[in-house]
N, C-alpha and C. Protein backbone atom coordinates (compact mmCIF):
# COMPACT_ATOMS: atom_id res chain seq x y z
N MET A 1 -36.57 -36.01 16.02
CA MET A 1 -35.16 -35.79 16.38
C MET A 1 -34.76 -36.69 17.55
N MET A 2 -35.63 -36.73 18.56
CA MET A 2 -35.34 -37.57 19.73
C MET A 2 -35.25 -39.03 19.33
N MET A 3 -36.14 -39.48 18.42
CA MET A 3 -36.12 -40.87 17.97
C MET A 3 -34.84 -41.17 17.21
N SER A 4 -34.35 -40.20 16.40
CA SER A 4 -33.13 -40.39 15.63
C SER A 4 -31.92 -40.54 16.55
N ARG A 5 -31.88 -39.69 17.60
CA ARG A 5 -30.78 -39.79 18.55
C ARG A 5 -30.80 -41.11 19.30
N LEU A 6 -31.99 -41.56 19.66
CA LEU A 6 -32.12 -42.84 20.35
C LEU A 6 -31.67 -43.99 19.48
N LEU A 7 -32.03 -43.90 18.18
CA LEU A 7 -31.63 -44.95 17.24
C LEU A 7 -30.12 -44.96 17.08
N LEU A 8 -29.49 -43.75 16.98
CA LEU A 8 -28.04 -43.66 16.83
C LEU A 8 -27.33 -44.22 18.06
N ALA A 9 -27.84 -43.90 19.24
CA ALA A 9 -27.24 -44.41 20.47
C ALA A 9 -27.31 -45.92 20.53
N THR A 10 -28.43 -46.48 20.07
CA THR A 10 -28.61 -47.94 20.07
C THR A 10 -27.62 -48.61 19.13
N VAL A 11 -27.43 -48.01 17.94
CA VAL A 11 -26.51 -48.57 16.96
C VAL A 11 -25.07 -48.52 17.48
N LEU A 12 -24.69 -47.38 18.07
CA LEU A 12 -23.33 -47.26 18.61
C LEU A 12 -23.07 -48.24 19.73
N ALA A 13 -24.06 -48.43 20.60
CA ALA A 13 -23.91 -49.38 21.70
C ALA A 13 -23.74 -50.79 21.19
N ALA A 14 -24.48 -51.12 20.14
CA ALA A 14 -24.41 -52.48 19.59
C ALA A 14 -23.07 -52.74 18.92
N SER A 15 -22.45 -51.68 18.38
CA SER A 15 -21.20 -51.87 17.66
C SER A 15 -19.97 -51.71 18.54
N ALA A 16 -20.16 -51.32 19.79
CA ALA A 16 -19.02 -51.13 20.70
C ALA A 16 -18.35 -52.46 21.00
N PRO A 17 -17.03 -52.49 21.11
CA PRO A 17 -16.35 -53.74 21.40
C PRO A 17 -16.72 -54.30 22.76
N VAL A 18 -16.84 -55.61 22.83
CA VAL A 18 -17.17 -56.27 24.09
C VAL A 18 -15.88 -56.58 24.81
N ILE A 19 -15.69 -56.05 26.00
CA ILE A 19 -14.48 -56.28 26.79
C ILE A 19 -14.75 -57.41 27.78
N PRO A 20 -13.96 -58.50 27.72
CA PRO A 20 -14.17 -59.60 28.65
C PRO A 20 -14.15 -59.12 30.09
N ALA A 21 -14.99 -59.72 30.91
CA ALA A 21 -15.11 -59.29 32.30
C ALA A 21 -13.78 -59.35 33.04
N ALA A 22 -12.99 -60.39 32.73
CA ALA A 22 -11.73 -60.58 33.45
C ALA A 22 -10.75 -59.46 33.19
N ALA A 23 -10.90 -58.77 32.06
CA ALA A 23 -9.95 -57.72 31.71
C ALA A 23 -10.13 -56.47 32.57
N THR A 24 -11.31 -56.29 33.14
CA THR A 24 -11.57 -55.07 33.91
C THR A 24 -12.01 -55.36 35.35
N ASP A 25 -12.21 -56.59 35.69
CA ASP A 25 -12.72 -56.96 37.01
C ASP A 25 -11.64 -56.78 38.07
N ALA A 26 -11.95 -55.98 39.08
CA ALA A 26 -10.98 -55.75 40.16
C ALA A 26 -10.71 -57.01 40.95
N GLY A 27 -11.59 -58.00 40.84
CA GLY A 27 -11.39 -59.25 41.59
C GLY A 27 -10.52 -60.26 40.87
N LEU A 28 -9.94 -59.87 39.72
CA LEU A 28 -9.12 -60.82 38.96
C LEU A 28 -7.94 -61.33 39.78
N ALA A 29 -7.30 -60.45 40.52
CA ALA A 29 -6.13 -60.85 41.30
C ALA A 29 -6.49 -61.95 42.31
N LYS A 30 -7.62 -61.78 42.97
CA LYS A 30 -8.06 -62.77 43.94
C LYS A 30 -8.36 -64.10 43.25
N LEU A 31 -9.03 -64.03 42.11
CA LEU A 31 -9.36 -65.23 41.35
C LEU A 31 -8.09 -65.92 40.86
N ALA A 32 -7.13 -65.13 40.41
CA ALA A 32 -5.89 -65.68 39.86
C ALA A 32 -5.05 -66.38 40.92
N ARG A 33 -5.26 -66.06 42.17
CA ARG A 33 -4.44 -66.64 43.24
C ARG A 33 -5.13 -67.81 43.95
N SER A 34 -6.23 -68.26 43.38
CA SER A 34 -6.96 -69.37 43.99
C SER A 34 -6.43 -70.71 43.47
N PRO A 35 -6.64 -71.80 44.22
CA PRO A 35 -6.22 -73.13 43.76
C PRO A 35 -7.29 -73.77 42.88
N GLY A 36 -6.94 -74.91 42.29
CA GLY A 36 -7.93 -75.68 41.54
C GLY A 36 -7.99 -75.31 40.07
N THR A 37 -9.20 -75.27 39.53
CA THR A 37 -9.42 -74.99 38.11
C THR A 37 -10.43 -73.86 37.99
N PRO A 38 -10.06 -72.66 38.38
CA PRO A 38 -11.01 -71.55 38.38
C PRO A 38 -11.54 -71.22 36.99
N ASP A 39 -12.78 -70.78 36.95
CA ASP A 39 -13.40 -70.32 35.71
C ASP A 39 -13.08 -68.83 35.57
N ILE A 40 -12.19 -68.51 34.65
CA ILE A 40 -11.76 -67.13 34.46
C ILE A 40 -12.52 -66.53 33.29
N PRO A 41 -13.37 -65.56 33.53
CA PRO A 41 -14.17 -64.96 32.46
C PRO A 41 -13.31 -64.49 31.29
N GLY A 42 -13.74 -64.84 30.10
CA GLY A 42 -13.02 -64.44 28.90
C GLY A 42 -11.98 -65.43 28.44
N LEU A 43 -11.68 -66.45 29.26
CA LEU A 43 -10.69 -67.46 28.89
C LEU A 43 -11.32 -68.85 28.86
N LYS A 44 -10.97 -69.61 27.84
CA LYS A 44 -11.31 -71.03 27.82
C LYS A 44 -10.04 -71.79 28.16
N ILE A 45 -10.00 -72.38 29.35
CA ILE A 45 -8.80 -73.09 29.80
C ILE A 45 -9.10 -74.58 29.93
N VAL A 46 -8.25 -75.38 29.31
CA VAL A 46 -8.29 -76.83 29.50
C VAL A 46 -7.22 -77.14 30.53
N TRP A 47 -7.66 -77.61 31.69
CA TRP A 47 -6.74 -77.83 32.81
C TRP A 47 -6.20 -79.26 32.77
N LEU A 48 -5.03 -79.45 32.20
CA LEU A 48 -4.36 -80.74 32.26
C LEU A 48 -3.61 -80.89 33.58
N ALA A 49 -3.32 -79.75 34.21
CA ALA A 49 -2.65 -79.72 35.52
C ALA A 49 -3.28 -78.59 36.32
N PRO A 50 -4.17 -78.89 37.25
CA PRO A 50 -4.82 -77.85 38.06
C PRO A 50 -3.81 -77.09 38.91
N TRP A 51 -4.17 -75.89 39.29
CA TRP A 51 -3.34 -75.13 40.22
C TRP A 51 -3.38 -75.76 41.60
N GLY A 52 -2.26 -75.71 42.29
CA GLY A 52 -2.22 -76.13 43.68
C GLY A 52 -2.25 -74.92 44.59
N ASP A 53 -1.83 -75.09 45.82
CA ASP A 53 -1.69 -73.95 46.72
C ASP A 53 -0.56 -73.07 46.20
N LEU A 54 -0.81 -71.79 46.14
CA LEU A 54 0.16 -70.87 45.55
C LEU A 54 1.50 -70.90 46.28
N GLN A 55 1.48 -71.14 47.57
CA GLN A 55 2.73 -71.16 48.34
C GLN A 55 3.65 -72.30 47.91
N ASN A 56 3.08 -73.31 47.23
CA ASN A 56 3.88 -74.44 46.78
C ASN A 56 4.33 -74.31 45.32
N ALA A 57 3.90 -73.23 44.65
CA ALA A 57 4.27 -73.03 43.25
C ALA A 57 5.74 -72.66 43.14
N HIS A 58 6.33 -72.93 41.99
CA HIS A 58 7.70 -72.51 41.74
C HIS A 58 7.75 -70.97 41.77
N PRO A 59 8.81 -70.39 42.27
CA PRO A 59 8.88 -68.92 42.36
C PRO A 59 9.18 -68.26 41.02
N TRP A 60 8.20 -68.24 40.15
CA TRP A 60 8.38 -67.65 38.83
C TRP A 60 8.59 -66.13 38.95
N ARG A 61 9.59 -65.62 38.24
CA ARG A 61 9.88 -64.18 38.29
C ARG A 61 9.72 -63.52 36.92
N ASN A 62 9.62 -64.35 35.86
CA ASN A 62 9.53 -63.82 34.50
C ASN A 62 8.52 -64.63 33.69
N ILE A 63 8.09 -64.06 32.58
CA ILE A 63 7.26 -64.75 31.59
C ILE A 63 8.01 -64.70 30.27
N ILE A 64 8.19 -65.85 29.63
CA ILE A 64 8.81 -65.89 28.30
C ILE A 64 7.75 -66.34 27.29
N VAL A 65 7.58 -65.55 26.24
CA VAL A 65 6.59 -65.83 25.21
C VAL A 65 7.26 -66.54 24.04
N HIS A 66 6.74 -67.71 23.69
CA HIS A 66 7.26 -68.52 22.59
C HIS A 66 6.22 -68.65 21.48
N GLN A 67 6.70 -68.95 20.28
CA GLN A 67 5.82 -69.33 19.18
C GLN A 67 6.41 -70.58 18.54
N THR A 68 5.53 -71.55 18.24
CA THR A 68 6.00 -72.81 17.70
C THR A 68 5.61 -72.94 16.23
N GLU A 69 6.45 -73.63 15.48
CA GLU A 69 6.17 -73.84 14.06
C GLU A 69 5.23 -75.03 13.86
N GLY A 70 4.20 -75.10 14.65
CA GLY A 70 3.19 -76.14 14.49
C GLY A 70 1.99 -75.59 13.75
N PRO A 71 1.24 -76.44 13.08
CA PRO A 71 0.04 -75.99 12.39
C PRO A 71 -1.09 -75.70 13.37
N ALA A 72 -2.15 -75.10 12.89
CA ALA A 72 -3.33 -74.88 13.72
C ALA A 72 -3.79 -76.22 14.28
N GLY A 73 -4.10 -76.25 15.56
CA GLY A 73 -4.54 -77.48 16.20
C GLY A 73 -3.43 -78.21 16.93
N SER A 74 -2.20 -77.74 16.82
CA SER A 74 -1.07 -78.46 17.39
C SER A 74 -0.86 -78.18 18.87
N ALA A 75 -1.46 -77.13 19.40
CA ALA A 75 -1.26 -76.81 20.81
C ALA A 75 -1.78 -77.92 21.71
N ARG A 76 -2.91 -78.48 21.34
CA ARG A 76 -3.50 -79.55 22.15
C ARG A 76 -2.54 -80.73 22.27
N GLY A 77 -2.00 -81.17 21.12
CA GLY A 77 -1.09 -82.31 21.14
C GLY A 77 0.19 -81.98 21.90
N GLY A 78 0.72 -80.78 21.69
CA GLY A 78 1.92 -80.39 22.40
C GLY A 78 1.71 -80.34 23.90
N ALA A 79 0.56 -79.82 24.31
CA ALA A 79 0.26 -79.72 25.73
C ALA A 79 0.07 -81.11 26.35
N GLN A 80 -0.57 -82.00 25.62
CA GLN A 80 -0.77 -83.35 26.14
C GLN A 80 0.55 -84.08 26.30
N GLN A 81 1.46 -83.92 25.35
CA GLN A 81 2.78 -84.54 25.47
C GLN A 81 3.55 -83.93 26.64
N GLN A 82 3.41 -82.63 26.79
CA GLN A 82 4.09 -81.95 27.89
C GLN A 82 3.55 -82.42 29.24
N SER A 83 2.25 -82.65 29.29
CA SER A 83 1.63 -83.11 30.53
C SER A 83 2.15 -84.48 30.94
N LYS A 84 2.39 -85.34 29.95
CA LYS A 84 2.90 -86.67 30.22
C LYS A 84 4.38 -86.67 30.62
N ASN A 85 5.11 -85.70 30.09
CA ASN A 85 6.55 -85.61 30.37
C ASN A 85 6.88 -84.14 30.64
N PRO A 86 6.55 -83.64 31.83
CA PRO A 86 6.61 -82.21 32.14
C PRO A 86 7.95 -81.53 31.90
N THR A 87 9.05 -82.24 32.11
CA THR A 87 10.34 -81.57 32.01
C THR A 87 10.97 -81.68 30.62
N ARG A 88 10.21 -82.20 29.64
CA ARG A 88 10.72 -82.23 28.27
C ARG A 88 10.85 -80.80 27.75
N ARG A 89 11.44 -80.63 26.58
CA ARG A 89 11.56 -79.29 26.00
C ARG A 89 10.17 -78.79 25.64
N GLY A 90 9.77 -77.72 26.25
CA GLY A 90 8.43 -77.18 26.05
C GLY A 90 8.12 -76.17 27.14
N VAL A 91 6.83 -75.95 27.38
CA VAL A 91 6.43 -74.88 28.29
C VAL A 91 5.30 -75.34 29.21
N THR A 92 4.92 -74.47 30.12
CA THR A 92 3.84 -74.76 31.06
C THR A 92 2.47 -74.53 30.44
N VAL A 93 2.36 -73.48 29.63
CA VAL A 93 1.06 -73.06 29.08
C VAL A 93 1.13 -73.00 27.56
N TRP A 94 0.10 -73.55 26.91
CA TRP A 94 0.03 -73.55 25.45
C TRP A 94 -1.24 -72.82 25.02
N VAL A 95 -1.18 -72.08 23.90
CA VAL A 95 -2.33 -71.33 23.41
C VAL A 95 -2.60 -71.70 21.96
N GLU A 96 -3.79 -72.22 21.71
CA GLU A 96 -4.20 -72.64 20.37
C GLU A 96 -4.63 -71.44 19.53
N THR A 97 -4.71 -71.64 18.22
CA THR A 97 -5.09 -70.55 17.31
C THR A 97 -6.51 -70.05 17.57
N ASP A 98 -7.36 -70.89 18.14
CA ASP A 98 -8.73 -70.45 18.45
C ASP A 98 -8.83 -69.79 19.82
N GLY A 99 -7.68 -69.60 20.48
CA GLY A 99 -7.65 -68.93 21.77
C GLY A 99 -7.75 -69.86 22.97
N THR A 100 -7.94 -71.15 22.74
CA THR A 100 -8.01 -72.10 23.86
C THR A 100 -6.65 -72.19 24.55
N VAL A 101 -6.69 -72.10 25.87
CA VAL A 101 -5.47 -72.17 26.68
C VAL A 101 -5.37 -73.55 27.32
N TYR A 102 -4.23 -74.18 27.18
CA TYR A 102 -3.98 -75.49 27.80
C TYR A 102 -2.94 -75.31 28.91
N TRP A 103 -3.37 -75.51 30.15
CA TRP A 103 -2.42 -75.47 31.26
C TRP A 103 -1.88 -76.89 31.42
N ALA A 104 -0.65 -77.11 30.93
CA ALA A 104 -0.16 -78.46 30.73
C ALA A 104 0.64 -79.04 31.88
N VAL A 105 1.31 -78.19 32.65
CA VAL A 105 2.27 -78.67 33.64
C VAL A 105 1.98 -78.08 35.01
N ALA A 106 2.10 -78.90 36.03
CA ALA A 106 1.94 -78.39 37.40
C ALA A 106 2.91 -77.24 37.64
N GLU A 107 2.44 -76.22 38.34
CA GLU A 107 3.21 -74.99 38.46
C GLU A 107 4.43 -75.10 39.37
N ASN A 108 4.64 -76.25 39.99
CA ASN A 108 5.85 -76.45 40.80
C ASN A 108 6.94 -77.17 40.02
N LEU A 109 6.67 -77.49 38.74
CA LEU A 109 7.64 -78.17 37.90
C LEU A 109 8.21 -77.21 36.86
N VAL A 110 9.42 -77.49 36.36
CA VAL A 110 10.10 -76.59 35.44
C VAL A 110 10.38 -77.29 34.11
N PRO A 111 9.61 -77.01 33.07
CA PRO A 111 9.90 -77.57 31.75
C PRO A 111 11.21 -77.01 31.18
N THR A 112 11.72 -77.68 30.17
CA THR A 112 12.95 -77.23 29.52
C THR A 112 12.62 -76.28 28.38
N HIS A 113 12.84 -75.01 28.58
CA HIS A 113 12.61 -74.03 27.52
C HIS A 113 13.60 -72.89 27.66
N GLY A 114 13.80 -72.15 26.60
CA GLY A 114 14.83 -71.11 26.61
C GLY A 114 16.19 -71.70 26.34
N ASP A 115 17.10 -70.85 25.89
CA ASP A 115 18.43 -71.31 25.52
C ASP A 115 19.53 -70.69 26.38
N GLY A 116 19.18 -70.31 27.60
CA GLY A 116 20.19 -69.83 28.51
C GLY A 116 20.39 -68.33 28.55
N ALA A 117 19.46 -67.58 27.95
CA ALA A 117 19.56 -66.12 27.94
C ALA A 117 20.93 -65.67 27.44
N ASN A 118 21.26 -66.13 26.22
CA ASN A 118 22.59 -65.88 25.68
C ASN A 118 22.68 -64.61 24.83
N ARG A 119 21.59 -63.88 24.72
CA ARG A 119 21.61 -62.65 23.93
C ARG A 119 22.21 -61.51 24.76
N ASN A 120 23.21 -60.86 24.18
CA ASN A 120 23.91 -59.80 24.89
C ASN A 120 24.27 -58.66 23.93
N ASP A 121 23.32 -58.37 23.00
CA ASP A 121 23.63 -57.39 21.96
C ASP A 121 22.72 -56.15 22.02
N ASN A 122 21.76 -56.16 22.96
CA ASN A 122 20.84 -55.02 23.11
C ASN A 122 20.07 -54.71 21.82
N LYS A 123 19.88 -55.69 20.96
CA LYS A 123 19.20 -55.45 19.69
C LYS A 123 17.73 -55.08 19.90
N TYR A 124 17.08 -55.76 20.83
CA TYR A 124 15.65 -55.52 21.06
C TYR A 124 15.40 -54.79 22.38
N ILE A 125 16.10 -55.21 23.39
CA ILE A 125 15.97 -54.60 24.72
C ILE A 125 17.36 -54.50 25.33
N ASP A 126 17.45 -53.82 26.43
CA ASP A 126 18.71 -53.77 27.18
C ASP A 126 18.93 -55.13 27.81
N ASN A 127 19.98 -55.82 27.39
CA ASN A 127 20.21 -57.18 27.86
C ASN A 127 21.05 -57.29 29.14
N LYS A 128 21.45 -56.16 29.69
CA LYS A 128 22.24 -56.24 30.93
C LYS A 128 21.51 -56.98 32.03
N PRO A 129 20.20 -56.72 32.26
CA PRO A 129 19.52 -57.44 33.33
C PRO A 129 19.01 -58.83 32.92
N THR A 130 19.14 -59.19 31.63
CA THR A 130 18.62 -60.48 31.18
C THR A 130 19.71 -61.49 30.86
N TYR A 131 20.91 -61.02 30.53
CA TYR A 131 21.98 -61.91 30.10
C TYR A 131 22.30 -62.94 31.18
N ARG A 132 22.07 -64.21 30.81
CA ARG A 132 22.28 -65.35 31.71
C ARG A 132 21.39 -65.31 32.97
N GLN A 133 20.40 -64.43 32.97
CA GLN A 133 19.57 -64.27 34.16
C GLN A 133 18.12 -64.72 33.95
N VAL A 134 17.55 -64.48 32.76
CA VAL A 134 16.16 -64.86 32.49
C VAL A 134 16.18 -66.23 31.85
N VAL A 135 16.11 -67.26 32.67
CA VAL A 135 16.28 -68.64 32.22
C VAL A 135 15.07 -69.47 32.66
N ARG A 136 15.05 -70.71 32.21
CA ARG A 136 13.88 -71.55 32.47
C ARG A 136 13.62 -71.75 33.96
N GLY A 137 14.66 -71.71 34.77
CA GLY A 137 14.49 -71.94 36.19
C GLY A 137 13.72 -70.85 36.91
N ASN A 138 13.61 -69.67 36.30
CA ASN A 138 12.85 -68.60 36.95
C ASN A 138 11.78 -67.99 36.05
N SER A 139 11.53 -68.64 34.90
CA SER A 139 10.62 -68.06 33.91
C SER A 139 9.56 -69.06 33.48
N ILE A 140 8.30 -68.67 33.61
CA ILE A 140 7.22 -69.52 33.13
C ILE A 140 7.03 -69.27 31.64
N GLY A 141 6.91 -70.34 30.87
CA GLY A 141 6.84 -70.23 29.42
C GLY A 141 5.43 -70.39 28.90
N VAL A 142 5.09 -69.58 27.88
CA VAL A 142 3.80 -69.65 27.21
C VAL A 142 4.06 -69.83 25.72
N GLU A 143 3.49 -70.88 25.14
CA GLU A 143 3.73 -71.23 23.73
C GLU A 143 2.47 -70.97 22.90
N PHE A 144 2.63 -70.16 21.84
CA PHE A 144 1.54 -69.89 20.91
C PHE A 144 1.75 -70.72 19.65
N ALA A 145 0.79 -71.56 19.32
CA ALA A 145 0.91 -72.45 18.17
C ALA A 145 0.34 -71.80 16.92
N GLY A 146 0.78 -72.29 15.74
CA GLY A 146 0.09 -71.93 14.52
C GLY A 146 0.86 -71.19 13.46
N ASN A 147 2.15 -70.87 13.67
CA ASN A 147 2.85 -70.11 12.62
C ASN A 147 3.56 -71.04 11.64
N TYR A 148 2.77 -71.96 11.09
CA TYR A 148 3.27 -72.89 10.07
C TYR A 148 2.29 -72.87 8.90
N PRO A 149 2.74 -72.84 7.68
CA PRO A 149 4.13 -72.94 7.22
C PRO A 149 4.88 -71.60 7.17
N ASP A 150 4.21 -70.50 7.48
CA ASP A 150 4.85 -69.19 7.43
C ASP A 150 5.23 -68.76 8.84
N VAL A 151 6.50 -68.86 9.17
CA VAL A 151 6.93 -68.54 10.53
C VAL A 151 6.77 -67.06 10.86
N THR A 152 6.63 -66.23 9.84
CA THR A 152 6.46 -64.80 10.08
C THR A 152 5.01 -64.42 10.38
N ALA A 153 4.11 -65.38 10.27
CA ALA A 153 2.69 -65.10 10.53
C ALA A 153 2.51 -64.74 12.00
N GLY A 154 1.74 -63.70 12.25
CA GLY A 154 1.51 -63.27 13.62
C GLY A 154 0.45 -64.11 14.30
N PRO A 155 0.19 -63.87 15.57
CA PRO A 155 -0.85 -64.59 16.30
C PRO A 155 -2.22 -64.25 15.75
N THR A 156 -3.17 -65.14 15.95
CA THR A 156 -4.53 -64.89 15.51
C THR A 156 -5.21 -63.90 16.44
N GLU A 157 -6.34 -63.37 15.98
CA GLU A 157 -7.11 -62.45 16.84
C GLU A 157 -7.55 -63.14 18.11
N ALA A 158 -7.92 -64.42 18.00
CA ALA A 158 -8.36 -65.17 19.17
C ALA A 158 -7.21 -65.36 20.16
N GLN A 159 -6.01 -65.58 19.65
CA GLN A 159 -4.85 -65.73 20.53
C GLN A 159 -4.52 -64.41 21.22
N VAL A 160 -4.62 -63.32 20.50
CA VAL A 160 -4.35 -62.01 21.10
C VAL A 160 -5.36 -61.71 22.21
N ALA A 161 -6.64 -62.01 21.94
CA ALA A 161 -7.68 -61.78 22.95
C ALA A 161 -7.43 -62.62 24.20
N ALA A 162 -7.04 -63.88 24.01
CA ALA A 162 -6.76 -64.75 25.15
C ALA A 162 -5.52 -64.27 25.90
N TRP A 163 -4.51 -63.85 25.18
CA TRP A 163 -3.26 -63.37 25.79
C TRP A 163 -3.50 -62.14 26.64
N LYS A 164 -4.40 -61.27 26.20
CA LYS A 164 -4.65 -60.04 26.95
C LYS A 164 -5.13 -60.35 28.37
N ILE A 165 -5.87 -61.43 28.52
CA ILE A 165 -6.35 -61.83 29.84
C ILE A 165 -5.32 -62.72 30.53
N LEU A 166 -4.76 -63.67 29.78
CA LEU A 166 -3.83 -64.64 30.35
C LEU A 166 -2.62 -63.97 30.98
N VAL A 167 -2.07 -62.96 30.32
CA VAL A 167 -0.89 -62.31 30.87
C VAL A 167 -1.23 -61.59 32.18
N GLN A 168 -2.44 -61.07 32.30
CA GLN A 168 -2.86 -60.47 33.57
C GLN A 168 -2.94 -61.53 34.67
N VAL A 169 -3.47 -62.69 34.30
CA VAL A 169 -3.62 -63.78 35.27
C VAL A 169 -2.24 -64.23 35.76
N LEU A 170 -1.31 -64.44 34.84
CA LEU A 170 0.03 -64.89 35.22
C LEU A 170 0.74 -63.87 36.10
N ARG A 171 0.63 -62.62 35.72
CA ARG A 171 1.29 -61.57 36.50
C ARG A 171 0.67 -61.45 37.90
N ALA A 172 -0.66 -61.56 37.96
CA ALA A 172 -1.34 -61.44 39.24
C ALA A 172 -1.03 -62.64 40.14
N ARG A 173 -1.00 -63.82 39.55
CA ARG A 173 -0.79 -65.03 40.36
C ARG A 173 0.62 -65.09 40.94
N TYR A 174 1.60 -64.72 40.14
CA TYR A 174 2.99 -64.90 40.58
C TYR A 174 3.70 -63.58 40.93
N GLY A 175 2.98 -62.47 40.85
CA GLY A 175 3.58 -61.19 41.20
C GLY A 175 4.70 -60.78 40.25
N ILE A 176 4.50 -61.03 38.96
CA ILE A 176 5.53 -60.75 37.96
C ILE A 176 5.39 -59.32 37.44
N PRO A 177 6.43 -58.51 37.52
CA PRO A 177 6.36 -57.12 37.03
C PRO A 177 6.14 -57.07 35.51
N LEU A 178 5.59 -55.97 35.06
CA LEU A 178 5.30 -55.80 33.64
C LEU A 178 6.55 -55.91 32.78
N ASP A 179 7.66 -55.34 33.26
CA ASP A 179 8.88 -55.36 32.45
C ASP A 179 9.64 -56.69 32.55
N HIS A 180 8.99 -57.69 33.15
CA HIS A 180 9.57 -59.03 33.18
C HIS A 180 8.81 -59.98 32.25
N VAL A 181 8.08 -59.41 31.29
CA VAL A 181 7.46 -60.18 30.22
C VAL A 181 8.38 -60.08 29.02
N TYR A 182 8.92 -61.21 28.55
CA TYR A 182 9.93 -61.20 27.51
C TYR A 182 9.54 -62.07 26.33
N ALA A 183 9.91 -61.63 25.14
CA ALA A 183 9.86 -62.50 23.96
C ALA A 183 11.07 -63.41 23.98
N HIS A 184 10.90 -64.61 23.47
CA HIS A 184 12.03 -65.54 23.44
C HIS A 184 13.22 -64.92 22.70
N ASN A 185 12.92 -64.24 21.60
CA ASN A 185 14.00 -63.70 20.78
C ASN A 185 14.68 -62.49 21.41
N TRP A 186 14.06 -61.89 22.44
CA TRP A 186 14.70 -60.77 23.13
C TRP A 186 15.85 -61.23 24.01
N ILE A 187 15.78 -62.47 24.47
CA ILE A 187 16.79 -62.93 25.42
C ILE A 187 17.68 -64.05 24.87
N ASP A 188 17.25 -64.70 23.78
CA ASP A 188 18.03 -65.77 23.18
C ASP A 188 18.19 -65.54 21.68
N TYR A 189 19.31 -65.96 21.13
CA TYR A 189 19.47 -65.95 19.67
C TYR A 189 18.59 -67.03 19.08
N LYS A 190 17.69 -66.62 18.18
CA LYS A 190 16.73 -67.56 17.61
C LYS A 190 16.78 -67.52 16.09
N ASP A 191 15.76 -68.11 15.49
CA ASP A 191 15.62 -68.16 14.04
C ASP A 191 15.67 -66.75 13.45
N ALA A 192 16.60 -66.53 12.53
CA ALA A 192 16.77 -65.20 11.95
C ALA A 192 15.62 -64.79 11.04
N ARG A 193 14.75 -65.75 10.68
CA ARG A 193 13.65 -65.42 9.77
C ARG A 193 12.57 -64.56 10.42
N TYR A 194 12.46 -64.60 11.74
CA TYR A 194 11.41 -63.84 12.41
C TYR A 194 11.79 -63.62 13.87
N CYS A 195 11.06 -62.75 14.53
CA CYS A 195 11.33 -62.45 15.93
C CYS A 195 10.30 -63.19 16.78
N GLU A 196 10.72 -64.29 17.35
CA GLU A 196 9.78 -65.16 18.07
C GLU A 196 9.24 -64.51 19.34
N GLY A 197 7.91 -64.37 19.37
CA GLY A 197 7.23 -63.86 20.56
C GLY A 197 7.27 -62.35 20.71
N CYS A 198 7.93 -61.65 19.79
CA CYS A 198 8.16 -60.21 19.99
C CYS A 198 6.87 -59.39 19.96
N SER A 199 5.98 -59.68 19.02
CA SER A 199 4.74 -58.90 18.96
C SER A 199 3.88 -59.13 20.20
N LEU A 200 3.85 -60.35 20.69
CA LEU A 200 3.03 -60.67 21.86
C LEU A 200 3.60 -60.04 23.13
N ALA A 201 4.91 -60.09 23.29
CA ALA A 201 5.52 -59.47 24.47
C ALA A 201 5.35 -57.95 24.43
N THR A 202 5.49 -57.38 23.25
CA THR A 202 5.31 -55.94 23.11
C THR A 202 3.87 -55.54 23.42
N MET A 203 2.90 -56.33 22.94
CA MET A 203 1.50 -56.07 23.26
C MET A 203 1.29 -56.06 24.77
N ALA A 204 1.82 -57.08 25.44
CA ALA A 204 1.62 -57.21 26.88
C ALA A 204 2.14 -55.98 27.62
N ARG A 205 3.32 -55.52 27.23
CA ARG A 205 3.89 -54.36 27.90
C ARG A 205 3.10 -53.10 27.59
N THR A 206 2.58 -53.00 26.38
CA THR A 206 1.78 -51.84 25.99
C THR A 206 0.46 -51.82 26.77
N TRP A 207 -0.18 -52.97 26.87
CA TRP A 207 -1.45 -53.06 27.62
C TRP A 207 -1.23 -52.65 29.07
N GLY A 208 -0.11 -53.07 29.63
CA GLY A 208 0.16 -52.76 31.02
C GLY A 208 0.33 -51.28 31.27
N GLU A 209 0.79 -50.55 30.27
CA GLU A 209 0.96 -49.11 30.42
C GLU A 209 -0.37 -48.40 30.53
């Protein structure tokens, strides 16, 4: 009987989900506020633009989640183009379908993303605090690649796993409240075929609870 219980405990332990260290480590906030190219457990980050001193970073107050109609593998190219021309239409951070994160733009620069927070219909969220307020000048953008050719396709498991840690890092580094994580489609009128970024923003808010 004792051997059977020991065997059952071993099997259950082996099948338990592995939680990345960064997701539960109390030192994440300290790590997230450091300069350079920190090694964040659970994340694979390609640093095209290292972090500088936090006091010199742009005062980001929101996070906007985007999804691009690029095929798998397109995040790398998009991030490289963004790195060469930081203020072009795009974002600061790109996430590949395999979960690789590309930090493309120095955090004191503002890429062109978002359409001016023109949504004022309360369809997804209460837009009173977002209308004309959650814009590129105060919002750091994260782009998830891979919803091509089906724009309704959700993020991959690897992207979700990376996002679970990445959103904690962004919030910790810039002091962004949980309810300031937005889907692009929550604040701007977008493609009617799907709700861009909605599942990812909803996940982030749920995790924070």
